[in-house]
Amino acid sequence: MEPHSQKYKVRLGLFVAGGLAIFVLAIFIIGKQKNLFNPVFKLTTTFYSVSGLQVGNNIRFSGINVGTVDNIHIINDSTVRVDLMIRKEVHQFIKSDCEVAIGSEGLIGDKLLTITQGSNDAPLAKEGQELASTEPVETDAIMASLQVTAQNAEIITQQLAEIMTKINKGRGTMGRLIQDTTIAENLNQTIVNLKTSSKGLDENMKAAKHSILFKGYFKKKEKAAEEKKANAAEEKAEELKK
């Protein structure tokens, strides 16, 4: 019976030692995550709604985890106070005009707090100071806005489909232009007439230039243009000399 009893005691001792080791390791990991073994300073802020934020969630500054949410209190029906626990080594970067916002780790990750950077000339935040906050955008509000946008897009699509149907059936001005060949031919003829009229106008202008009555007028125009070019050339030459 003694060998069996001895094995039992050894196994029991190993089990207890392993359990203690796991317990100590868990305490160490949790304490490190919750800053239980690091010097910290506390800040506070308020929100209208914390949007699912919980005690123990991370706090980030410049994208780095610098602390955890220490406590959440409901002050009244429109105010929720959140206590922040920040590592002491980060205190030198937290200014009094920093703002706190609620974010999330990814699209569906845990909630977290984000502290924005303050201005260079602002003083450092004091122990227990309340920082300004930015209210989060609720997911329900985003979904409602997307739903309204989708409904508007559906209405516009239906209207476009009705317009295209009418055009294909030859209804309306656009439909008649596309479907009615007579209107298209008349439009083409109108364009041809405009081109012919333009050509005739050019010929009349050329004839007017050679006419005795208008010859002096066109010569004056040409002379004025030549003088303008000559003056511009002289000004350019003087600029080059300077």
C-alpha atoms as a PDB file:
ATOM      1  CA  MET A   1       0.000   0.000   0.000  1.00  0.00           C
ATOM      2  CA  GLU A   2       2.918   2.374   0.615  1.00  0.00           C
ATOM      3  CA  PRO A   3       4.062   2.657  -3.048  1.00  0.00           C
ATOM      4  CA  HIS A   4       0.493   3.389  -4.148  1.00  0.00           C
ATOM      5  CA  SER A   5       0.108   6.011  -1.402  1.00  0.00           C
ATOM      6  CA  GLN A   6       3.427   7.579  -2.337  1.00  0.00           C
ATOM      7  CA  LYS A   7       2.373   7.912  -6.023  1.00  0.00           C
ATOM      8  CA  TYR A   8      -0.906   9.462  -4.964  1.00  0.00           C
ATOM      9  CA  LYS A   9       0.888  12.085  -2.864  1.00  0.00           C
ATOM     10  CA  VAL A  10       3.282  12.914  -5.712  1.00  0.00           C
ATOM     11  CA  ARG A  11       0.420  13.361  -8.175  1.00  0.00           C
ATOM     12  CA  LEU A  12      -1.510  15.484  -5.713  1.00  0.00           C
ATOM     13  CA  GLY A  13       1.576  17.638  -5.109  1.00  0.00           C
ATOM     14  CA  LEU A  14       2.146  18.100  -8.850  1.00  0.00           C
ATOM     15  CA  PHE A  15      -1.507  18.988  -9.363  1.00  0.00           C
ATOM     16  CA  VAL A  16      -1.448  21.582  -6.587  1.00  0.00           C
ATOM     17  CA  ALA A  17       1.850  23.047  -7.804  1.00  0.00           C
ATOM     18  CA  GLY A  18       0.539  23.245 -11.382  1.00  0.00           C
ATOM     19  CA  GLY A  19      -2.672  24.894 -10.214  1.00  0.00           C
ATOM     20  CA  LEU A  20      -0.740  27.455  -8.190  1.00  0.00           C
ATOM     21  CA  ALA A  21       1.566  28.186 -11.131  1.00  0.00           C
ATOM     22  CA  ILE A  22      -1.412  28.732 -13.470  1.00  0.00           C
ATOM     23  CA  PHE A  23      -3.104  30.932 -10.862  1.00  0.00           C
ATOM     24  CA  VAL A  24       0.004  33.088 -10.384  1.00  0.00           C
ATOM     25  CA  LEU A  25       0.491  33.359 -14.154  1.00  0.00           C
ATOM     26  CA  ALA A  26      -3.152  34.389 -14.653  1.00  0.00           C
ATOM     27  CA  ILE A  27      -2.859  37.006 -11.904  1.00  0.00           C
ATOM     28  CA  PHE A  28       0.312  38.354 -13.524  1.00  0.00           C
ATOM     29  CA  ILE A  29      -1.243  38.551 -17.014  1.00  0.00           C
ATOM     30  CA  ILE A  30      -4.471  40.132 -15.789  1.00  0.00           C
ATOM     31  CA  GLY A  31      -2.570  42.536 -13.545  1.00  0.00           C
ATOM     32  CA  LYS A  32      -0.362  43.594 -16.431  1.00  0.00           C
ATOM     33  CA  GLN A  33      -3.369  44.193 -18.695  1.00  0.00           C
ATOM     34  CA  LYS A  34      -5.222  46.131 -16.014  1.00  0.00           C
ATOM     35  CA  ASN A  35      -2.121  48.069 -14.899  1.00  0.00           C
ATOM     36  CA  LEU A  36      -2.301  46.635 -11.365  1.00  0.00           C
ATOM     37  CA  PHE A  37       1.486  46.502 -11.060  1.00  0.00           C
ATOM     38  CA  ASN A  38       2.273  49.823 -12.772  1.00  0.00           C
ATOM     39  CA  PRO A  39       2.010  53.338 -11.299  1.00  0.00           C
ATOM     40  CA  VAL A  40      -1.077  55.039 -12.732  1.00  0.00           C
ATOM     41  CA  PHE A  41      -2.963  58.319 -12.623  1.00  0.00           C
ATOM     42  CA  LYS A  42      -6.700  58.739 -13.024  1.00  0.00           C
ATOM     43  CA  LEU A  43      -8.789  60.924 -15.285  1.00  0.00           C
ATOM     44  CA  THR A  44     -12.515  61.120 -15.902  1.00  0.00           C
ATOM     45  CA  THR A  45     -14.945  62.070 -18.655  1.00  0.00           C
ATOM     46  CA  THR A  46     -18.683  61.990 -19.311  1.00  0.00           C
ATOM     47  CA  PHE A  47     -20.866  60.752 -22.158  1.00  0.00           C
ATOM     48  CA  TYR A  48     -24.534  60.838 -23.014  1.00  0.00           C
ATOM     49  CA  SER A  49     -24.248  57.165 -24.004  1.00  0.00           C
ATOM     50  CA  VAL A  50     -21.269  54.808 -23.688  1.00  0.00           C
ATOM     51  CA  SER A  51     -22.500  52.539 -26.528  1.00  0.00           C
ATOM     52  CA  GLY A  52     -21.615  49.265 -24.814  1.00  0.00           C
ATOM     53  CA  LEU A  53     -18.321  50.343 -23.251  1.00  0.00           C
ATOM     54  CA  GLN A  54     -17.387  48.135 -20.283  1.00  0.00           C
ATOM     55  CA  VAL A  55     -15.048  48.271 -17.318  1.00  0.00           C
ATOM     56  CA  GLY A  56     -11.646  46.900 -18.297  1.00  0.00           C
ATOM     57  CA  ASN A  57     -11.795  47.993 -21.932  1.00  0.00           C
ATOM     58  CA  ASN A  58      -8.590  49.452 -23.329  1.00  0.00           C
ATOM     59  CA  ILE A  59      -7.703  53.147 -23.622  1.00  0.00           C
ATOM     60  CA  ARG A  60      -5.565  54.228 -26.569  1.00  0.00           C
ATOM     61  CA  PHE A  61      -3.430  57.280 -27.187  1.00  0.00           C
ATOM     62  CA  SER A  62      -1.735  57.704 -30.595  1.00  0.00           C
ATOM     63  CA  GLY A  63      -2.818  54.149 -31.411  1.00  0.00           C
ATOM     64  CA  ILE A  64      -1.103  52.620 -28.341  1.00  0.00           C
ATOM     65  CA  ASN A  65      -2.827  50.996 -25.365  1.00  0.00           C
ATOM     66  CA  VAL A  66      -2.030  53.274 -22.415  1.00  0.00           C
ATOM     67  CA  GLY A  67      -4.634  52.271 -19.836  1.00  0.00           C
ATOM     68  CA  THR A  68      -8.006  50.746 -19.077  1.00  0.00           C
ATOM     69  CA  VAL A  69     -11.511  51.845 -18.121  1.00  0.00           C
ATOM     70  CA  ASP A  70     -11.583  51.806 -14.308  1.00  0.00           C
ATOM     71  CA  ASN A  71     -15.256  52.432 -13.619  1.00  0.00           C
ATOM     72  CA  ILE A  72     -18.537  53.507 -15.216  1.00  0.00           C
ATOM     73  CA  HIS A  73     -21.184  55.408 -13.235  1.00  0.00           C
ATOM     74  CA  ILE A  74     -24.633  56.657 -14.248  1.00  0.00           C
ATOM     75  CA  ILE A  75     -24.857  60.239 -12.945  1.00  0.00           C
ATOM     76  CA  ASN A  76     -28.361  61.010 -14.229  1.00  0.00           C
ATOM     77  CA  ASP A  77     -30.664  60.190 -17.124  1.00  0.00           C
ATOM     78  CA  SER A  78     -28.427  62.047 -19.609  1.00  0.00           C
ATOM     79  CA  THR A  79     -24.909  61.686 -18.195  1.00  0.00           C
ATOM     80  CA  VAL A  80     -22.630  58.680 -17.708  1.00  0.00           C
ATOM     81  CA  ARG A  81     -19.262  59.199 -16.017  1.00  0.00           C
ATOM     82  CA  VAL A  82     -16.317  57.062 -17.094  1.00  0.00           C
ATOM     83  CA  ASP A  83     -13.191  56.805 -14.936  1.00  0.00           C
ATOM     84  CA  LEU A  84      -9.914  56.286 -16.779  1.00  0.00           C
ATOM     85  CA  MET A  85      -6.802  54.653 -15.397  1.00  0.00           C
ATOM     86  CA  ILE A  86      -3.700  55.718 -17.375  1.00  0.00           C
ATOM     87  CA  ARG A  87      -0.113  54.563 -16.991  1.00  0.00           C
ATOM     88  CA  LYS A  88       1.998  57.151 -15.180  1.00  0.00           C
ATOM     89  CA  GLU A  89       4.662  57.158 -17.877  1.00  0.00           C
ATOM     90  CA  VAL A  90       2.132  58.541 -20.386  1.00  0.00           C
ATOM     91  CA  HIS A  91       1.122  61.465 -18.169  1.00  0.00           C
ATOM     92  CA  GLN A  92       3.638  63.784 -19.847  1.00  0.00           C
ATOM     93  CA  PHE A  93       1.715  63.507 -23.145  1.00  0.00           C
ATOM     94  CA  ILE A  94      -1.859  63.955 -21.881  1.00  0.00           C
ATOM     95  CA  LYS A  95      -2.807  67.634 -22.124  1.00  0.00           C
ATOM     96  CA  SER A  96      -5.764  69.336 -20.470  1.00  0.00           C
ATOM     97  CA  ASP A  97      -7.447  69.993 -23.846  1.00  0.00           C
ATOM     98  CA  CYS A  98      -7.303  66.371 -24.995  1.00  0.00           C
ATOM     99  CA  GLU A  99     -10.645  64.839 -25.936  1.00  0.00           C
ATOM    100  CA  VAL A 100     -11.950  61.331 -25.296  1.00  0.00           C
ATOM    101  CA  ALA A 101     -13.969  59.393 -27.876  1.00  0.00           C
ATOM    102  CA  ILE A 102     -15.478  55.915 -27.969  1.00  0.00           C
ATOM    103  CA  GLY A 103     -14.250  53.629 -30.728  1.00  0.00           C
ATOM    104  CA  SER A 104     -14.019  49.927 -31.418  1.00  0.00           C
ATOM    105  CA  GLU A 105     -11.384  47.376 -32.330  1.00  0.00           C
ATOM    106  CA  GLY A 106     -12.374  46.733 -35.930  1.00  0.00           C
ATOM    107  CA  LEU A 107     -15.935  46.728 -37.223  1.00  0.00           C
ATOM    108  CA  ILE A 108     -17.378  44.321 -34.637  1.00  0.00           C
ATOM    109  CA  GLY A 109     -14.618  44.313 -31.995  1.00  0.00           C
ATOM    110  CA  ASP A 110     -14.751  45.370 -28.351  1.00  0.00           C
ATOM    111  CA  LYS A 111     -15.347  49.003 -27.504  1.00  0.00           C
ATOM    112  CA  LEU A 112     -12.416  51.174 -26.408  1.00  0.00           C
ATOM    113  CA  LEU A 113     -11.623  54.769 -25.515  1.00  0.00           C
ATOM    114  CA  THR A 114      -9.413  56.935 -27.694  1.00  0.00           C
ATOM    115  CA  ILE A 115      -7.658  60.019 -26.321  1.00  0.00           C
ATOM    116  CA  THR A 116      -6.836  62.605 -28.983  1.00  0.00           C
ATOM    117  CA  GLN A 117      -3.630  64.645 -28.884  1.00  0.00           C
ATOM    118  CA  GLY A 118      -3.837  68.095 -27.299  1.00  0.00           C
ATOM    119  CA  SER A 119      -2.207  71.362 -28.329  1.00  0.00           C
ATOM    120  CA  ASN A 120       1.474  72.019 -27.653  1.00  0.00           C
ATOM    121  CA  ASP A 121       0.923  75.062 -25.418  1.00  0.00           C
ATOM    122  CA  ALA A 122      -1.772  73.447 -23.244  1.00  0.00           C
ATOM    123  CA  PRO A 123      -0.844  72.402 -19.675  1.00  0.00           C
ATOM    124  CA  LEU A 124      -0.687  68.760 -18.632  1.00  0.00           C
ATOM    125  CA  ALA A 125      -3.868  67.146 -17.347  1.00  0.00           C
ATOM    126  CA  LYS A 126      -4.073  66.986 -13.551  1.00  0.00           C
ATOM    127  CA  GLU A 127      -4.871  63.941 -11.436  1.00  0.00           C
ATOM    128  CA  GLY A 128      -8.631  63.327 -11.541  1.00  0.00           C
ATOM    129  CA  GLN A 129      -9.284  66.031 -14.140  1.00  0.00           C
ATOM    130  CA  GLU A 130     -12.342  65.694 -16.377  1.00  0.00           C
ATOM    131  CA  LEU A 131     -11.519  65.675 -20.075  1.00  0.00           C
ATOM    132  CA  ALA A 132     -13.897  66.782 -22.804  1.00  0.00           C
ATOM    133  CA  SER A 133     -15.615  64.009 -24.734  1.00  0.00           C
ATOM    134  CA  THR A 134     -16.959  63.420 -28.221  1.00  0.00           C
ATOM    135  CA  GLU A 135     -20.282  61.603 -28.426  1.00  0.00           C
ATOM    136  CA  PRO A 136     -20.139  58.381 -30.455  1.00  0.00           C
ATOM    137  CA  VAL A 137     -22.210  57.832 -33.568  1.00  0.00           C
ATOM    138  CA  GLU A 138     -24.740  55.136 -32.784  1.00  0.00           C
ATOM    139  CA  THR A 139     -24.895  52.122 -35.089  1.00  0.00           C
ATOM    140  CA  ASP A 140     -28.688  52.390 -35.207  1.00  0.00           C
ATOM    141  CA  ALA A 141     -28.424  55.955 -36.532  1.00  0.00           C
ATOM    142  CA  ILE A 142     -25.996  54.824 -39.237  1.00  0.00           C
ATOM    143  CA  MET A 143     -28.285  51.973 -40.267  1.00  0.00           C
ATOM    144  CA  ALA A 144     -31.301  54.312 -40.367  1.00  0.00           C
ATOM    145  CA  SER A 145     -29.391  56.736 -42.605  1.00  0.00           C
ATOM    146  CA  LEU A 146     -28.331  53.907 -44.920  1.00  0.00           C
ATOM    147  CA  GLN A 147     -31.919  52.695 -45.099  1.00  0.00           C
ATOM    148  CA  VAL A 148     -33.146  56.159 -46.141  1.00  0.00           C
ATOM    149  CA  THR A 149     -30.389  56.345 -48.781  1.00  0.00           C
ATOM    150  CA  ALA A 150     -31.344  52.907 -50.115  1.00  0.00           C
ATOM    151  CA  GLN A 151     -35.005  53.935 -50.339  1.00  0.00           C
ATOM    152  CA  ASN A 152     -34.104  57.114 -52.239  1.00  0.00           C
ATOM    153  CA  ALA A 153     -31.895  55.114 -54.616  1.00  0.00           C
ATOM    154  CA  GLU A 154     -34.762  52.693 -55.229  1.00  0.00           C
ATOM    155  CA  ILE A 155     -37.134  55.574 -56.066  1.00  0.00           C
ATOM    156  CA  ILE A 156     -34.604  57.130 -58.466  1.00  0.00           C
ATOM    157  CA  THR A 157     -34.041  53.751 -60.153  1.00  0.00           C
ATOM    158  CA  GLN A 158     -37.783  53.277 -60.654  1.00  0.00           C
ATOM    159  CA  GLN A 159     -38.118  56.775 -62.135  1.00  0.00           C
ATOM    160  CA  LEU A 160     -35.210  56.153 -64.526  1.00  0.00           C
ATOM    161  CA  ALA A 161     -36.788  52.854 -65.584  1.00  0.00           C
ATOM    162  CA  GLU A 162     -40.100  54.627 -66.314  1.00  0.00           C
ATOM    163  CA  ILE A 163     -38.321  57.312 -68.353  1.00  0.00           C
ATOM    164  CA  MET A 164     -36.430  54.722 -70.417  1.00  0.00           C
ATOM    165  CA  THR A 165     -39.667  52.800 -71.015  1.00  0.00           C
ATOM    166  CA  LYS A 166     -41.367  55.957 -72.320  1.00  0.00           C
ATOM    167  CA  ILE A 167     -38.376  56.747 -74.556  1.00  0.00           C
ATOM    168  CA  ASN A 168     -38.364  53.242 -75.998  1.00  0.00           C
ATOM    169  CA  LYS A 169     -42.106  53.580 -76.754  1.00  0.00           C
ATOM    170  CA  GLY A 170     -41.557  56.938 -78.467  1.00  0.00           C
ATOM    171  CA  ARG A 171     -43.285  59.037 -75.815  1.00  0.00           C
ATOM    172  CA  GLY A 172     -42.117  62.520 -74.909  1.00  0.00           C
ATOM    173  CA  THR A 173     -39.690  64.772 -76.792  1.00  0.00           C
ATOM    174  CA  MET A 174     -36.688  62.448 -76.389  1.00  0.00           C
ATOM    175  CA  GLY A 175     -38.754  59.454 -77.404  1.00  0.00           C
ATOM    176  CA  ARG A 176     -40.006  61.170 -80.570  1.00  0.00           C
ATOM    177  CA  LEU A 177     -36.481  62.321 -81.446  1.00  0.00           C
ATOM    178  CA  ILE A 178     -35.135  58.795 -81.141  1.00  0.00           C
ATOM    179  CA  GLN A 179     -38.041  56.781 -82.543  1.00  0.00           C
ATOM    180  CA  ASP A 180     -39.568  59.156 -85.140  1.00  0.00           C
ATOM    181  CA  THR A 181     -37.422  59.158 -88.298  1.00  0.00           C
ATOM    182  CA  THR A 182     -39.226  62.216 -89.724  1.00  0.00           C
ATOM    183  CA  ILE A 183     -38.105  64.441 -86.854  1.00  0.00           C
ATOM    184  CA  ALA A 184     -34.552  63.120 -87.175  1.00  0.00           C
ATOM    185  CA  GLU A 185     -34.538  63.888 -90.932  1.00  0.00           C
ATOM    186  CA  ASN A 186     -35.903  67.381 -90.312  1.00  0.00           C
ATOM    187  CA  LEU A 187     -33.199  67.967 -87.731  1.00  0.00           C
ATOM    188  CA  ASN A 188     -30.519  66.812 -90.180  1.00  0.00           C
ATOM    189  CA  GLN A 189     -31.956  69.092 -92.863  1.00  0.00           C
ATOM    190  CA  THR A 190     -31.914  72.024 -90.442  1.00  0.00           C
ATOM    191  CA  ILE A 191     -28.232  71.413 -89.752  1.00  0.00           C
ATOM    192  CA  VAL A 192     -27.526  71.278 -93.499  1.00  0.00           C
ATOM    193  CA  ASN A 193     -29.374  74.568 -93.996  1.00  0.00           C
ATOM    194  CA  LEU A 194     -27.364  76.192 -91.217  1.00  0.00           C
ATOM    195  CA  LYS A 195     -24.131  75.049 -92.847  1.00  0.00           C
ATOM    196  CA  THR A 196     -25.297  76.399 -96.216  1.00  0.00           C
ATOM    197  CA  SER A 197     -26.285  79.728 -94.664  1.00  0.00           C
ATOM    198  CA  SER A 198     -22.913  79.965 -92.922  1.00  0.00           C
ATOM    199  CA  LYS A 199     -21.130  79.275 -96.188  1.00  0.00           C
ATOM    200  CA  GLY A 200     -23.197  81.947 -97.952  1.00  0.00           C
ATOM    201  CA  LEU A 201     -22.411  84.441 -95.185  1.00  0.00           C
ATOM    202  CA  ASP A 202     -18.669  83.791 -95.618  1.00  0.00           C
ATOM    203  CA  GLU A 203     -18.974  84.399 -99.354  1.00  0.00           C
ATOM    204  CA  ASN A 204     -20.866  87.655 -98.746  1.00  0.00           C
ATOM    205  CA  MET A 205     -18.159  88.830 -96.328  1.00  0.00           C
ATOM    206  CA  LYS A 206     -15.457  88.092 -98.906  1.00  0.00           C
ATOM    207  CA  ALA A 207     -17.418  89.983-101.540  1.00  0.00           C
ATOM    208  CA  ALA A 208     -17.888  92.913 -99.148  1.00  0.00           C
ATOM    209  CA  LYS A 209     -14.111  93.111 -98.642  1.00  0.00           C
ATOM    210  CA  HIS A 210     -13.617  93.623-102.382  1.00  0.00           C
ATOM    211  CA  SER A 211     -16.486  96.090-102.628  1.00  0.00           C
ATOM    212  CA  ILE A 212     -15.582  99.769-103.148  1.00  0.00           C
ATOM    213  CA  LEU A 213     -17.928 100.885-100.350  1.00  0.00           C
ATOM    214  CA  PHE A 214     -16.363  98.615 -97.709  1.00  0.00           C
ATOM    215  CA  LYS A 215     -12.813  98.426 -99.067  1.00  0.00           C
ATOM    216  CA  GLY A 216     -11.632 101.411 -97.014  1.00  0.00           C
ATOM    217  CA  TYR A 217     -13.159 100.015 -93.827  1.00  0.00           C
ATOM    218  CA  PHE A 218     -11.406  96.661 -94.163  1.00  0.00           C
ATOM    219  CA  LYS A 219      -8.096  98.361 -95.074  1.00  0.00           C
ATOM    220  CA  LYS A 220      -8.297 100.424 -91.875  1.00  0.00           C
ATOM    221  CA  LYS A 221      -8.910  97.253 -89.880  1.00  0.00           C
ATOM    222  CA  GLU A 222      -5.921  95.517 -91.460  1.00  0.00           C
ATOM    223  CA  LYS A 223      -3.693  98.583 -90.920  1.00  0.00           C
ATOM    224  CA  ALA A 224      -4.714  98.819 -87.253  1.00  0.00           C
ATOM    225  CA  ALA A 225      -3.919  95.126 -86.776  1.00  0.00           C
ATOM    226  CA  GLU A 226      -0.484  95.538 -88.400  1.00  0.00           C
ATOM    227  CA  GLU A 227       0.288  98.562 -86.193  1.00  0.00           C
ATOM    228  CA  LYS A 228      -0.711  96.603 -83.105  1.00  0.00           C
ATOM    229  CA  LYS A 229       1.639  93.769 -84.060  1.00  0.00           C
ATOM    230  CA  ALA A 230       4.471  96.214 -84.738  1.00  0.00           C
ATOM    231  CA  ASN A 231       4.011  97.923 -81.354  1.00  0.00           C
ATOM    232  CA  ALA A 232       4.031  94.557 -79.591  1.00  0.00           C
ATOM    233  CA  ALA A 233       7.248  93.580 -81.390  1.00  0.00           C
ATOM    234  CA  GLU A 234       8.921  96.866 -80.394  1.00  0.00           C
ATOM    235  CA  GLU A 235       7.912  96.442 -76.727  1.00  0.00           C
ATOM    236  CA  LYS A 236       9.303  92.890 -76.725  1.00  0.00           C
ATOM    237  CA  ALA A 237      12.585  94.091 -78.270  1.00  0.00           C
ATOM    238  CA  GLU A 238      12.948  96.819 -75.619  1.00  0.00           C
ATOM    239  CA  GLU A 239      12.352  94.249 -72.840  1.00  0.00           C
ATOM    240  CA  LEU A 240      15.075  92.013 -74.309  1.00  0.00           C
ATOM    241  CA  LYS A 241      17.528  94.935 -74.354  1.00  0.00           C
ATOM    242  CA  LYS A 242      16.886  95.641 -70.644  1.00  0.00           C
END
